[in-house]
């Protein structure tokens, strides 16, 4: 997996191809929209969808934690998808993952799905806070919007950029979007949709193309 570094408000941030941001100065990983239990929610509604999405998401998270040595993970909202997604298998997988990282500090900045799904079980030892969580020059939030407390880093949108080739073929890819006053991270979850963004002149956009992060900012 490759990565790409950017400087935002004087801080180095590393954009990871696993669709997360590593903040070296704080030994912190920023993750948006894992939506754990989303597939279970669909299955509870008798909609057949593949199983194993929670395991895949946690596997990528494990790999990042091991590679970067982060001491903290901050989820930028929508940790659990819905109350119906609090299936025993989903909660057991989360508990097993948490037990494997007892020294890791984990924080959830609540998002709109968290209001309906509820906070994670207490045994997961996840600190749950309302937005904004102010960290250095940043306001860690769920909904992307300018924040008076600092440069906002958010999720919620599941942003994607569409690339068009010379033969008019197109591909929509998840992306990191850095606007003037806020940034939006791609959704981390395995079973999430994509929403096209409309960047303004001067915005920076970086797509995740297979195992690489690529700068596609319009010059």
N, C-alpha and C. Protein backbone atom coordinates (compact mmCIF):
# COMPACT_ATOMS: atom_id res chain seq x y z
N UNK A 1 0.84 -1.20 0.00
CA UNK A 1 0.00 0.00 0.00
C UNK A 1 0.88 1.25 0.00
N UNK A 2 0.55 2.20 -0.87
CA UNK A 2 1.30 3.44 -0.89
C UNK A 2 0.56 4.50 -0.10
N UNK A 3 1.24 5.60 0.16
CA UNK A 3 0.66 6.71 0.91
C UNK A 3 1.15 8.01 0.31
N UNK A 4 0.51 9.09 0.70
CA UNK A 4 0.86 10.40 0.17
C UNK A 4 0.74 11.42 1.31
N UNK A 5 1.76 12.25 1.49
CA UNK A 5 1.78 13.22 2.58
C UNK A 5 1.32 14.59 2.10
N UNK A 6 0.55 15.26 2.94
CA UNK A 6 0.13 16.63 2.67
C UNK A 6 0.34 17.44 3.95
N UNK A 7 0.47 18.74 3.77
CA UNK A 7 0.61 19.64 4.92
C UNK A 7 -0.67 20.47 5.02
N UNK A 8 -1.31 20.41 6.18
CA UNK A 8 -2.56 21.12 6.42
C UNK A 8 -2.42 21.90 7.72
N UNK A 9 -2.55 23.20 7.64
CA UNK A 9 -2.42 24.08 8.81
C UNK A 9 -1.13 23.78 9.58
N UNK A 10 -0.06 23.56 8.84
CA UNK A 10 1.25 23.34 9.44
C UNK A 10 1.49 21.94 9.95
N UNK A 11 0.55 21.05 9.77
CA UNK A 11 0.69 19.68 10.25
C UNK A 11 0.83 18.70 9.09
N UNK A 12 1.75 17.74 9.23
CA UNK A 12 1.90 16.69 8.24
C UNK A 12 0.82 15.64 8.44
N UNK A 13 0.08 15.34 7.39
CA UNK A 13 -0.92 14.29 7.40
C UNK A 13 -0.58 13.30 6.29
N UNK A 14 -0.69 12.02 6.60
CA UNK A 14 -0.37 10.99 5.62
C UNK A 14 -1.67 10.32 5.18
N UNK A 15 -1.97 10.43 3.89
CA UNK A 15 -3.18 9.84 3.32
C UNK A 15 -2.86 8.39 2.94
N UNK A 16 -3.58 7.47 3.53
CA UNK A 16 -3.30 6.05 3.34
C UNK A 16 -4.25 5.44 2.31
N UNK A 17 -3.73 4.51 1.52
CA UNK A 17 -4.55 3.86 0.51
C UNK A 17 -5.66 3.02 1.13
N UNK A 18 -5.53 2.70 2.41
CA UNK A 18 -6.61 1.98 3.11
C UNK A 18 -7.78 2.89 3.45
N UNK A 19 -7.71 4.17 3.01
CA UNK A 19 -8.79 5.14 3.18
C UNK A 19 -8.86 5.67 4.62
N UNK A 20 -7.72 6.08 5.14
CA UNK A 20 -7.63 6.68 6.46
C UNK A 20 -6.49 7.69 6.44
N UNK A 21 -6.39 8.49 7.50
CA UNK A 21 -5.33 9.50 7.61
C UNK A 21 -4.50 9.23 8.85
N UNK A 22 -3.20 9.21 8.67
CA UNK A 22 -2.25 9.05 9.78
C UNK A 22 -1.67 10.42 10.10
N UNK A 23 -1.78 10.80 11.38
CA UNK A 23 -1.26 12.08 11.86
C UNK A 23 -0.04 11.78 12.74
N UNK A 24 1.16 11.80 12.17
CA UNK A 24 2.35 11.36 12.90
C UNK A 24 2.62 12.14 14.18
N UNK A 25 2.44 13.45 14.16
CA UNK A 25 2.78 14.27 15.33
C UNK A 25 1.98 13.86 16.56
N UNK A 26 0.78 13.31 16.37
CA UNK A 26 -0.06 12.89 17.48
C UNK A 26 -0.18 11.36 17.58
N UNK A 27 0.59 10.66 16.75
CA UNK A 27 0.50 9.19 16.72
C UNK A 27 -0.95 8.74 16.66
N UNK A 28 -1.72 9.41 15.79
CA UNK A 28 -3.17 9.24 15.73
C UNK A 28 -3.61 8.84 14.33
N UNK A 29 -4.59 7.96 14.27
CA UNK A 29 -5.21 7.55 13.02
C UNK A 29 -6.62 8.10 12.97
N UNK A 30 -6.97 8.77 11.88
CA UNK A 30 -8.31 9.31 11.68
C UNK A 30 -9.05 8.43 10.68
N UNK A 31 -10.23 7.95 11.10
CA UNK A 31 -11.01 7.01 10.30
C UNK A 31 -12.44 7.51 10.24
N UNK A 32 -13.01 7.57 9.04
CA UNK A 32 -14.39 8.05 8.89
C UNK A 32 -15.30 6.91 8.44
N UNK A 33 -16.49 6.87 9.01
CA UNK A 33 -17.58 6.05 8.50
C UNK A 33 -17.27 4.56 8.31
N UNK A 34 -16.93 3.85 9.38
CA UNK A 34 -16.76 2.40 9.22
C UNK A 34 -18.09 1.67 9.02
N UNK A 35 -19.17 2.20 9.60
CA UNK A 35 -20.51 1.61 9.44
C UNK A 35 -20.52 0.12 9.78
N UNK A 36 -19.92 -0.22 10.91
CA UNK A 36 -19.94 -1.62 11.34
C UNK A 36 -21.39 -2.09 11.50
N UNK A 37 -21.67 -3.28 11.03
CA UNK A 37 -23.00 -3.85 11.16
C UNK A 37 -23.95 -3.46 10.05
N UNK A 38 -23.49 -2.77 9.02
CA UNK A 38 -24.40 -2.37 7.94
C UNK A 38 -24.92 -3.59 7.19
N UNK A 39 -24.05 -4.53 6.88
CA UNK A 39 -24.50 -5.73 6.18
C UNK A 39 -25.48 -6.51 7.04
N UNK A 40 -25.21 -6.57 8.35
CA UNK A 40 -26.13 -7.27 9.24
C UNK A 40 -27.49 -6.58 9.28
N UNK A 41 -27.49 -5.26 9.18
CA UNK A 41 -28.75 -4.51 9.14
C UNK A 41 -29.56 -4.91 7.91
N UNK A 42 -28.91 -5.03 6.77
CA UNK A 42 -29.61 -5.43 5.54
C UNK A 42 -30.14 -6.85 5.67
N UNK A 43 -29.33 -7.74 6.24
CA UNK A 43 -29.78 -9.12 6.38
C UNK A 43 -30.95 -9.23 7.35
N UNK A 44 -30.96 -8.37 8.39
CA UNK A 44 -32.08 -8.36 9.33
C UNK A 44 -33.37 -7.93 8.65
N UNK A 45 -33.24 -7.18 7.56
CA UNK A 45 -34.40 -6.75 6.78
C UNK A 45 -34.69 -7.70 5.63
N UNK A 46 -34.10 -8.90 5.68
CA UNK A 46 -34.30 -9.95 4.67
C UNK A 46 -33.77 -9.55 3.30
N UNK A 47 -32.74 -8.68 3.28
CA UNK A 47 -32.08 -8.32 2.03
C UNK A 47 -30.76 -9.07 1.97
N UNK A 48 -30.59 -9.99 1.05
CA UNK A 48 -29.37 -10.81 1.03
C UNK A 48 -28.16 -10.01 0.57
N UNK A 49 -27.18 -9.88 1.43
CA UNK A 49 -25.92 -9.22 1.10
C UNK A 49 -24.79 -10.09 1.65
N UNK A 50 -23.59 -9.97 1.10
CA UNK A 50 -22.48 -10.82 1.54
C UNK A 50 -22.12 -10.57 3.01
N UNK A 51 -21.67 -11.62 3.67
CA UNK A 51 -21.15 -11.51 5.02
C UNK A 51 -19.64 -11.24 4.97
N UNK A 52 -19.05 -10.94 6.11
CA UNK A 52 -17.60 -10.78 6.19
C UNK A 52 -17.10 -9.36 6.05
N UNK A 53 -18.01 -8.38 5.91
CA UNK A 53 -17.55 -7.01 5.74
C UNK A 53 -16.89 -6.47 7.00
N UNK A 54 -17.40 -6.84 8.17
CA UNK A 54 -16.78 -6.37 9.42
C UNK A 54 -15.37 -6.91 9.56
N UNK A 55 -15.18 -8.18 9.24
CA UNK A 55 -13.85 -8.78 9.32
C UNK A 55 -12.88 -8.10 8.36
N UNK A 56 -13.35 -7.78 7.16
CA UNK A 56 -12.49 -7.10 6.19
C UNK A 56 -12.09 -5.72 6.65
N UNK A 57 -13.04 -4.97 7.22
CA UNK A 57 -12.75 -3.63 7.71
C UNK A 57 -11.77 -3.68 8.87
N UNK A 58 -12.00 -4.59 9.82
CA UNK A 58 -11.11 -4.70 10.97
C UNK A 58 -9.72 -5.20 10.55
N UNK A 59 -9.67 -6.02 9.52
CA UNK A 59 -8.38 -6.47 9.02
C UNK A 59 -7.53 -5.33 8.49
N UNK A 60 -8.16 -4.43 7.74
CA UNK A 60 -7.42 -3.26 7.25
C UNK A 60 -6.99 -2.36 8.40
N UNK A 61 -7.87 -2.21 9.39
CA UNK A 61 -7.52 -1.40 10.55
C UNK A 61 -6.34 -2.00 11.30
N UNK A 62 -6.35 -3.31 11.48
CA UNK A 62 -5.23 -4.01 12.12
C UNK A 62 -3.92 -3.73 11.39
N UNK A 63 -3.96 -3.81 10.07
CA UNK A 63 -2.75 -3.63 9.26
C UNK A 63 -2.19 -2.22 9.43
N UNK A 64 -3.07 -1.23 9.48
CA UNK A 64 -2.60 0.15 9.64
C UNK A 64 -1.98 0.36 11.01
N UNK A 65 -2.66 -0.12 12.04
CA UNK A 65 -2.15 0.05 13.41
C UNK A 65 -0.78 -0.60 13.55
N UNK A 66 -0.62 -1.79 12.99
CA UNK A 66 0.66 -2.48 13.07
C UNK A 66 1.76 -1.74 12.31
N UNK A 67 1.42 -1.22 11.15
CA UNK A 67 2.42 -0.56 10.30
C UNK A 67 2.84 0.80 10.83
N UNK A 68 1.90 1.56 11.37
CA UNK A 68 2.19 2.92 11.79
C UNK A 68 2.55 3.04 13.27
N UNK A 69 2.13 2.08 14.07
CA UNK A 69 2.39 2.16 15.50
C UNK A 69 1.60 3.25 16.20
N UNK A 70 0.42 3.60 15.68
CA UNK A 70 -0.38 4.66 16.29
C UNK A 70 -0.77 4.27 17.71
N UNK A 71 -0.95 5.29 18.53
CA UNK A 71 -1.37 5.07 19.91
C UNK A 71 -2.85 5.41 20.11
N UNK A 72 -3.45 5.99 19.08
CA UNK A 72 -4.85 6.41 19.20
C UNK A 72 -5.54 6.30 17.85
N UNK A 73 -6.81 5.92 17.88
CA UNK A 73 -7.66 5.92 16.69
C UNK A 73 -8.87 6.78 16.98
N UNK A 74 -9.16 7.72 16.08
CA UNK A 74 -10.35 8.57 16.21
C UNK A 74 -11.28 8.25 15.04
N UNK A 75 -12.47 7.78 15.37
CA UNK A 75 -13.49 7.53 14.35
C UNK A 75 -14.33 8.79 14.20
N UNK A 76 -14.44 9.28 12.97
CA UNK A 76 -15.17 10.52 12.70
C UNK A 76 -16.63 10.23 12.38
N UNK A 77 -17.27 9.51 13.26
CA UNK A 77 -18.71 9.28 13.14
C UNK A 77 -19.10 8.02 12.42
N UNK A 78 -20.35 7.59 12.68
CA UNK A 78 -20.98 6.43 12.06
C UNK A 78 -20.17 5.15 12.30
N UNK A 79 -19.91 4.92 13.58
CA UNK A 79 -19.19 3.70 13.97
C UNK A 79 -20.07 2.48 13.71
N UNK A 80 -21.27 2.48 14.30
CA UNK A 80 -22.25 1.43 14.04
C UNK A 80 -23.29 1.98 13.06
N UNK A 81 -23.75 1.14 12.16
CA UNK A 81 -24.66 1.62 11.13
C UNK A 81 -26.07 1.86 11.66
N UNK A 82 -26.57 0.94 12.48
CA UNK A 82 -27.95 1.03 12.96
C UNK A 82 -28.12 0.09 14.15
N UNK A 83 -29.21 0.26 14.88
CA UNK A 83 -29.48 -0.64 16.01
C UNK A 83 -29.63 -2.09 15.53
N UNK A 84 -30.23 -2.25 14.36
CA UNK A 84 -30.42 -3.60 13.83
C UNK A 84 -29.09 -4.25 13.46
N UNK A 85 -28.05 -3.45 13.32
CA UNK A 85 -26.74 -3.98 12.98
C UNK A 85 -25.93 -4.43 14.18
N UNK A 86 -26.48 -4.28 15.39
CA UNK A 86 -25.75 -4.72 16.58
C UNK A 86 -25.92 -6.23 16.77
N UNK A 87 -25.63 -6.95 15.71
CA UNK A 87 -25.76 -8.40 15.73
C UNK A 87 -24.68 -9.00 16.61
N UNK A 88 -24.97 -10.15 17.25
CA UNK A 88 -23.96 -10.78 18.11
C UNK A 88 -22.62 -11.00 17.41
N UNK A 89 -22.65 -11.43 16.15
CA UNK A 89 -21.40 -11.70 15.43
C UNK A 89 -20.60 -10.41 15.22
N UNK A 90 -21.29 -9.32 14.91
CA UNK A 90 -20.62 -8.03 14.71
C UNK A 90 -19.98 -7.56 16.00
N UNK A 91 -20.75 -7.59 17.09
CA UNK A 91 -20.22 -7.13 18.38
C UNK A 91 -19.10 -8.02 18.88
N UNK A 92 -19.19 -9.32 18.61
CA UNK A 92 -18.12 -10.23 19.02
C UNK A 92 -16.83 -9.93 18.27
N UNK A 93 -16.95 -9.63 16.97
CA UNK A 93 -15.76 -9.30 16.18
C UNK A 93 -15.12 -8.02 16.68
N UNK A 94 -15.93 -7.03 17.02
CA UNK A 94 -15.40 -5.78 17.54
C UNK A 94 -14.74 -5.99 18.89
N UNK A 95 -15.35 -6.80 19.74
CA UNK A 95 -14.77 -7.08 21.05
C UNK A 95 -13.43 -7.81 20.92
N UNK A 96 -13.36 -8.73 19.98
CA UNK A 96 -12.10 -9.45 19.77
C UNK A 96 -11.01 -8.51 19.28
N UNK A 97 -11.38 -7.61 18.36
CA UNK A 97 -10.40 -6.64 17.88
C UNK A 97 -9.92 -5.73 19.01
N UNK A 98 -10.85 -5.27 19.82
CA UNK A 98 -10.48 -4.36 20.92
C UNK A 98 -9.59 -5.06 21.93
N UNK A 99 -9.87 -6.33 22.21
CA UNK A 99 -9.07 -7.09 23.17
C UNK A 99 -7.63 -7.26 22.67
N UNK A 100 -7.47 -7.24 21.35
CA UNK A 100 -6.13 -7.36 20.79
C UNK A 100 -5.33 -6.08 20.82
N UNK A 101 -5.97 -4.98 21.22
CA UNK A 101 -5.29 -3.68 21.27
C UNK A 101 -5.63 -2.97 22.59
N UNK A 102 -5.27 -3.57 23.72
CA UNK A 102 -5.69 -3.01 25.01
C UNK A 102 -5.09 -1.64 25.33
N UNK A 103 -3.92 -1.33 24.76
CA UNK A 103 -3.28 -0.05 25.07
C UNK A 103 -3.67 1.06 24.10
N UNK A 104 -4.44 0.72 23.08
CA UNK A 104 -4.82 1.70 22.07
C UNK A 104 -5.98 2.55 22.59
N UNK A 105 -5.81 3.86 22.54
CA UNK A 105 -6.90 4.75 22.92
C UNK A 105 -7.81 4.93 21.71
N UNK A 106 -9.11 4.78 21.91
CA UNK A 106 -10.07 4.88 20.81
C UNK A 106 -11.14 5.89 21.17
N UNK A 107 -11.40 6.80 20.24
CA UNK A 107 -12.39 7.86 20.43
C UNK A 107 -13.37 7.84 19.26
N UNK A 108 -14.63 8.05 19.57
CA UNK A 108 -15.66 8.19 18.54
C UNK A 108 -16.25 9.59 18.64
N UNK A 109 -16.15 10.35 17.55
CA UNK A 109 -16.87 11.62 17.42
C UNK A 109 -18.21 11.28 16.80
N UNK A 110 -19.26 11.41 17.56
CA UNK A 110 -20.56 10.90 17.13
C UNK A 110 -21.04 11.53 15.82
N UNK A 111 -21.65 10.69 14.97
CA UNK A 111 -22.25 11.14 13.73
C UNK A 111 -23.75 10.87 13.72
N UNK A 112 -24.37 11.06 12.58
CA UNK A 112 -25.83 10.91 12.52
C UNK A 112 -26.29 9.47 12.74
N UNK A 113 -25.55 8.48 12.24
CA UNK A 113 -25.93 7.10 12.46
C UNK A 113 -25.75 6.69 13.92
N UNK A 114 -24.78 7.30 14.59
CA UNK A 114 -24.55 6.96 16.00
C UNK A 114 -25.72 7.38 16.88
N UNK A 115 -26.43 8.42 16.48
CA UNK A 115 -27.58 8.84 17.27
C UNK A 115 -28.67 7.76 17.26
N UNK A 116 -28.78 7.03 16.16
CA UNK A 116 -29.81 5.99 16.04
C UNK A 116 -29.29 4.64 16.53
N UNK A 117 -28.03 4.34 16.24
CA UNK A 117 -27.47 3.04 16.61
C UNK A 117 -27.10 2.98 18.09
N UNK A 118 -26.83 4.14 18.68
CA UNK A 118 -26.36 4.17 20.06
C UNK A 118 -24.85 4.06 20.13
N UNK A 119 -24.29 4.44 21.28
CA UNK A 119 -22.84 4.33 21.47
C UNK A 119 -22.42 2.86 21.47
N UNK A 120 -21.17 2.58 21.12
CA UNK A 120 -20.67 1.21 21.19
C UNK A 120 -20.78 0.66 22.61
N UNK A 121 -20.85 -0.65 22.77
CA UNK A 121 -20.91 -1.24 24.11
C UNK A 121 -19.74 -0.76 24.98
N UNK A 122 -20.00 -0.60 26.27
CA UNK A 122 -18.99 -0.08 27.17
C UNK A 122 -17.73 -0.93 27.22
N UNK A 123 -17.89 -2.24 27.05
CA UNK A 123 -16.73 -3.12 27.14
C UNK A 123 -15.71 -2.88 26.02
N UNK A 124 -16.11 -2.16 24.97
CA UNK A 124 -15.16 -1.82 23.92
C UNK A 124 -14.24 -0.67 24.34
N UNK A 125 -14.56 -0.01 25.44
CA UNK A 125 -13.72 1.07 25.97
C UNK A 125 -13.42 2.12 24.91
N UNK A 126 -14.50 2.63 24.32
CA UNK A 126 -14.38 3.69 23.32
C UNK A 126 -14.94 4.97 23.92
N UNK A 127 -14.12 6.00 23.96
CA UNK A 127 -14.56 7.31 24.43
C UNK A 127 -15.47 7.93 23.38
N UNK A 128 -16.68 8.31 23.75
CA UNK A 128 -17.64 8.87 22.81
C UNK A 128 -17.87 10.35 23.13
N UNK A 129 -17.68 11.20 22.13
CA UNK A 129 -17.80 12.64 22.33
C UNK A 129 -18.63 13.24 21.20
N UNK A 130 -19.21 14.40 21.47
CA UNK A 130 -19.91 15.15 20.43
C UNK A 130 -18.92 16.04 19.70
N UNK A 131 -19.23 16.34 18.45
CA UNK A 131 -18.38 17.23 17.66
C UNK A 131 -18.58 18.69 18.13
N UNK A 132 -17.51 19.50 18.02
CA UNK A 132 -16.19 19.16 17.50
C UNK A 132 -15.26 18.69 18.61
N UNK A 133 -14.36 17.78 18.25
CA UNK A 133 -13.27 17.40 19.13
C UNK A 133 -12.05 18.18 18.64
N UNK A 134 -11.60 19.12 19.42
CA UNK A 134 -10.52 20.02 18.99
C UNK A 134 -9.18 19.38 19.30
N UNK A 135 -8.37 19.21 18.27
CA UNK A 135 -7.05 18.61 18.39
C UNK A 135 -6.07 19.48 17.62
N UNK A 136 -5.22 20.24 18.32
CA UNK A 136 -4.29 21.12 17.63
C UNK A 136 -5.04 22.11 16.76
N UNK A 137 -4.64 22.24 15.47
CA UNK A 137 -5.31 23.19 14.59
C UNK A 137 -6.60 22.64 13.97
N UNK A 138 -7.00 21.44 14.37
CA UNK A 138 -8.11 20.77 13.71
C UNK A 138 -9.35 20.66 14.60
N UNK A 139 -10.50 20.70 13.96
CA UNK A 139 -11.78 20.38 14.60
C UNK A 139 -12.25 19.07 14.00
N UNK A 140 -12.21 18.01 14.77
CA UNK A 140 -12.61 16.70 14.28
C UNK A 140 -14.11 16.57 14.42
N UNK A 141 -14.79 16.36 13.29
CA UNK A 141 -16.25 16.39 13.24
C UNK A 141 -16.74 15.26 12.34
N UNK A 142 -18.05 15.13 12.24
CA UNK A 142 -18.62 14.17 11.29
C UNK A 142 -19.12 14.86 10.03
N UNK A 143 -19.89 15.93 10.19
CA UNK A 143 -20.45 16.64 9.04
C UNK A 143 -19.46 17.69 8.54
N UNK A 144 -19.14 17.69 7.26
CA UNK A 144 -18.17 18.66 6.73
C UNK A 144 -18.77 20.05 6.62
N UNK A 145 -18.16 20.98 7.31
CA UNK A 145 -18.57 22.39 7.28
C UNK A 145 -17.48 23.19 7.98
N UNK A 146 -17.31 24.45 7.64
CA UNK A 146 -16.34 25.27 8.35
C UNK A 146 -16.64 25.29 9.85
N UNK A 147 -15.59 25.28 10.65
CA UNK A 147 -15.74 25.29 12.11
C UNK A 147 -14.88 26.41 12.68
N UNK A 148 -15.44 27.16 13.60
CA UNK A 148 -14.68 28.27 14.19
C UNK A 148 -13.54 27.76 15.07
N UNK A 149 -13.61 26.48 15.49
CA UNK A 149 -12.59 25.95 16.39
C UNK A 149 -11.31 25.55 15.66
N UNK A 150 -11.35 25.44 14.33
CA UNK A 150 -10.17 25.04 13.58
C UNK A 150 -10.55 24.48 12.23
N UNK A 151 -9.56 24.00 11.50
CA UNK A 151 -9.80 23.39 10.20
C UNK A 151 -10.52 22.07 10.44
N UNK A 152 -11.72 21.92 9.86
CA UNK A 152 -12.55 20.75 10.13
C UNK A 152 -12.09 19.55 9.31
N UNK A 153 -12.00 18.40 9.97
CA UNK A 153 -11.74 17.13 9.28
C UNK A 153 -12.94 16.25 9.55
N UNK A 154 -13.58 15.79 8.48
CA UNK A 154 -14.89 15.17 8.60
C UNK A 154 -15.00 13.91 7.76
N UNK A 155 -16.19 13.31 7.82
CA UNK A 155 -16.54 12.17 6.99
C UNK A 155 -17.90 12.42 6.38
N UNK A 156 -18.83 11.50 6.61
CA UNK A 156 -20.25 11.63 6.29
C UNK A 156 -20.58 11.50 4.80
N UNK A 157 -19.84 12.14 3.93
CA UNK A 157 -20.23 12.19 2.52
C UNK A 157 -19.89 10.94 1.73
N UNK A 158 -18.90 10.16 2.18
CA UNK A 158 -18.37 9.04 1.38
C UNK A 158 -17.93 9.58 0.01
N UNK A 159 -17.01 10.55 0.00
CA UNK A 159 -16.70 11.28 -1.24
C UNK A 159 -16.05 10.42 -2.32
N UNK A 160 -16.35 10.78 -3.56
CA UNK A 160 -15.76 10.10 -4.71
C UNK A 160 -15.52 11.11 -5.82
N UNK A 161 -14.47 10.86 -6.59
CA UNK A 161 -14.17 11.67 -7.77
C UNK A 161 -14.26 10.78 -9.00
N UNK A 162 -14.76 11.34 -10.09
CA UNK A 162 -14.89 10.59 -11.35
C UNK A 162 -13.75 10.98 -12.29
N UNK A 163 -13.00 9.99 -12.70
CA UNK A 163 -11.91 10.20 -13.65
C UNK A 163 -12.38 9.78 -15.04
N UNK A 164 -12.07 10.60 -16.03
CA UNK A 164 -12.48 10.32 -17.41
C UNK A 164 -11.23 10.18 -18.27
N UNK A 165 -11.13 9.05 -18.97
CA UNK A 165 -9.97 8.78 -19.82
C UNK A 165 -10.13 9.35 -21.22
N UNK A 166 -9.10 9.21 -22.02
CA UNK A 166 -9.12 9.75 -23.38
C UNK A 166 -10.18 9.08 -24.25
N UNK A 167 -10.48 7.83 -23.95
CA UNK A 167 -11.50 7.12 -24.71
C UNK A 167 -12.88 7.31 -24.13
N UNK A 168 -13.03 8.33 -23.29
CA UNK A 168 -14.30 8.68 -22.64
C UNK A 168 -14.77 7.62 -21.63
N UNK A 169 -13.89 6.66 -21.32
CA UNK A 169 -14.23 5.73 -20.25
C UNK A 169 -14.09 6.47 -18.92
N UNK A 170 -14.91 6.10 -17.96
CA UNK A 170 -14.88 6.80 -16.68
C UNK A 170 -14.84 5.81 -15.53
N UNK A 171 -14.33 6.27 -14.42
CA UNK A 171 -14.23 5.45 -13.22
C UNK A 171 -14.45 6.35 -12.01
N UNK A 172 -15.37 5.94 -11.13
CA UNK A 172 -15.62 6.69 -9.89
C UNK A 172 -14.83 6.03 -8.77
N UNK A 173 -14.00 6.81 -8.09
CA UNK A 173 -13.11 6.29 -7.06
C UNK A 173 -13.27 7.06 -5.76
N UNK A 174 -13.14 6.37 -4.62
CA UNK A 174 -13.17 7.09 -3.34
C UNK A 174 -12.02 8.08 -3.27
N UNK A 175 -12.24 9.17 -2.55
CA UNK A 175 -11.21 10.21 -2.53
C UNK A 175 -11.14 10.94 -1.19
N UNK A 176 -10.00 11.59 -0.99
CA UNK A 176 -9.81 12.57 0.07
C UNK A 176 -10.02 13.94 -0.56
N UNK A 177 -10.82 14.77 0.07
CA UNK A 177 -11.14 16.09 -0.47
C UNK A 177 -10.76 17.15 0.56
N UNK A 178 -9.81 18.01 0.18
CA UNK A 178 -9.35 19.08 1.05
C UNK A 178 -9.81 20.42 0.47
N UNK A 179 -10.87 20.97 1.05
CA UNK A 179 -11.37 22.29 0.67
C UNK A 179 -10.69 23.36 1.51
N UNK A 180 -11.09 24.61 1.33
CA UNK A 180 -10.41 25.70 2.03
C UNK A 180 -10.56 25.60 3.54
N UNK A 181 -11.75 25.26 4.02
CA UNK A 181 -12.02 25.28 5.46
C UNK A 181 -12.26 23.92 6.06
N UNK A 182 -12.32 22.87 5.24
CA UNK A 182 -12.59 21.54 5.78
C UNK A 182 -12.06 20.48 4.84
N UNK A 183 -11.87 19.29 5.40
CA UNK A 183 -11.47 18.12 4.62
C UNK A 183 -12.50 17.02 4.84
N UNK A 184 -12.68 16.18 3.84
CA UNK A 184 -13.59 15.05 3.94
C UNK A 184 -12.82 13.78 3.61
N UNK A 185 -12.88 12.82 4.51
CA UNK A 185 -12.19 11.55 4.32
C UNK A 185 -13.11 10.55 3.62
N UNK A 186 -12.54 9.62 2.86
CA UNK A 186 -13.37 8.57 2.26
C UNK A 186 -13.91 7.65 3.34
N UNK A 187 -15.01 7.00 3.06
CA UNK A 187 -15.58 6.04 4.01
C UNK A 187 -14.63 4.86 4.15
N UNK A 188 -14.44 4.44 5.40
CA UNK A 188 -13.51 3.35 5.68
C UNK A 188 -14.18 1.98 5.56
N UNK A 189 -15.48 1.93 5.74
CA UNK A 189 -16.20 0.66 5.74
C UNK A 189 -16.15 -0.07 4.41
N UNK A 190 -16.27 -1.40 4.49
CA UNK A 190 -16.24 -2.24 3.29
C UNK A 190 -17.53 -2.12 2.48
N UNK A 191 -18.64 -1.84 3.14
CA UNK A 191 -19.96 -1.91 2.50
C UNK A 191 -20.62 -0.53 2.56
N UNK A 192 -20.03 0.41 1.83
CA UNK A 192 -20.53 1.79 1.82
C UNK A 192 -20.60 2.29 0.39
N UNK A 193 -21.48 3.25 0.14
CA UNK A 193 -21.60 3.82 -1.19
C UNK A 193 -20.64 4.96 -1.41
N UNK A 194 -20.78 5.58 -2.58
CA UNK A 194 -19.93 6.71 -2.95
C UNK A 194 -20.82 7.86 -3.40
N UNK A 195 -20.39 9.09 -3.09
CA UNK A 195 -21.12 10.28 -3.51
C UNK A 195 -20.15 11.22 -4.23
N UNK A 196 -20.51 11.63 -5.42
CA UNK A 196 -19.65 12.52 -6.20
C UNK A 196 -19.53 13.88 -5.53
N UNK A 197 -18.33 14.43 -5.56
CA UNK A 197 -18.08 15.75 -4.98
C UNK A 197 -17.95 16.78 -6.09
N UNK A 198 -18.08 18.03 -5.71
CA UNK A 198 -17.97 19.15 -6.66
C UNK A 198 -16.97 20.15 -6.10
N UNK A 199 -15.68 19.87 -6.25
CA UNK A 199 -14.67 20.74 -5.65
C UNK A 199 -14.62 22.12 -6.28
N UNK A 200 -14.26 23.08 -5.43
CA UNK A 200 -14.08 24.46 -5.89
C UNK A 200 -12.64 24.64 -6.38
N UNK A 201 -12.40 25.68 -7.21
CA UNK A 201 -11.02 25.98 -7.60
C UNK A 201 -10.14 26.17 -6.36
N UNK A 202 -8.99 25.54 -6.36
CA UNK A 202 -8.09 25.62 -5.21
C UNK A 202 -8.21 24.45 -4.26
N UNK A 203 -9.29 23.68 -4.37
CA UNK A 203 -9.42 22.48 -3.54
C UNK A 203 -8.45 21.41 -4.02
N UNK A 204 -8.04 20.56 -3.09
CA UNK A 204 -7.16 19.44 -3.43
C UNK A 204 -7.94 18.13 -3.33
N UNK A 205 -7.74 17.26 -4.32
CA UNK A 205 -8.45 15.99 -4.36
C UNK A 205 -7.44 14.88 -4.63
N UNK A 206 -7.55 13.80 -3.83
CA UNK A 206 -6.65 12.67 -3.95
C UNK A 206 -7.50 11.40 -3.99
N UNK A 207 -7.42 10.66 -5.07
CA UNK A 207 -8.23 9.44 -5.20
C UNK A 207 -7.44 8.24 -4.70
N UNK A 208 -8.21 7.23 -4.28
CA UNK A 208 -7.64 5.94 -3.91
C UNK A 208 -7.84 5.01 -5.10
N UNK A 209 -6.75 4.67 -5.77
CA UNK A 209 -6.80 3.82 -6.95
C UNK A 209 -6.07 2.52 -6.62
N UNK A 210 -6.85 1.48 -6.33
CA UNK A 210 -6.32 0.19 -5.90
C UNK A 210 -5.46 0.39 -4.65
N UNK A 211 -4.14 0.25 -4.73
CA UNK A 211 -3.30 0.35 -3.54
C UNK A 211 -2.48 1.64 -3.53
N UNK A 212 -2.95 2.67 -4.22
CA UNK A 212 -2.21 3.93 -4.30
C UNK A 212 -3.13 5.10 -4.04
N UNK A 213 -2.53 6.19 -3.54
CA UNK A 213 -3.23 7.47 -3.39
C UNK A 213 -2.66 8.40 -4.45
N UNK A 214 -3.53 8.96 -5.28
CA UNK A 214 -3.09 9.74 -6.44
C UNK A 214 -3.68 11.14 -6.39
N UNK A 215 -2.84 12.12 -6.58
CA UNK A 215 -3.27 13.53 -6.61
C UNK A 215 -3.92 13.81 -7.97
N UNK A 216 -5.21 14.14 -7.96
CA UNK A 216 -5.92 14.47 -9.19
C UNK A 216 -6.46 15.91 -9.14
N UNK A 217 -5.80 16.73 -8.32
CA UNK A 217 -6.21 18.12 -8.21
C UNK A 217 -6.14 18.81 -9.56
N UNK A 218 -7.20 19.55 -9.91
CA UNK A 218 -7.20 20.29 -11.16
C UNK A 218 -6.30 21.51 -11.05
N UNK A 219 -5.39 21.62 -11.97
CA UNK A 219 -4.42 22.73 -11.94
C UNK A 219 -4.97 23.94 -12.68
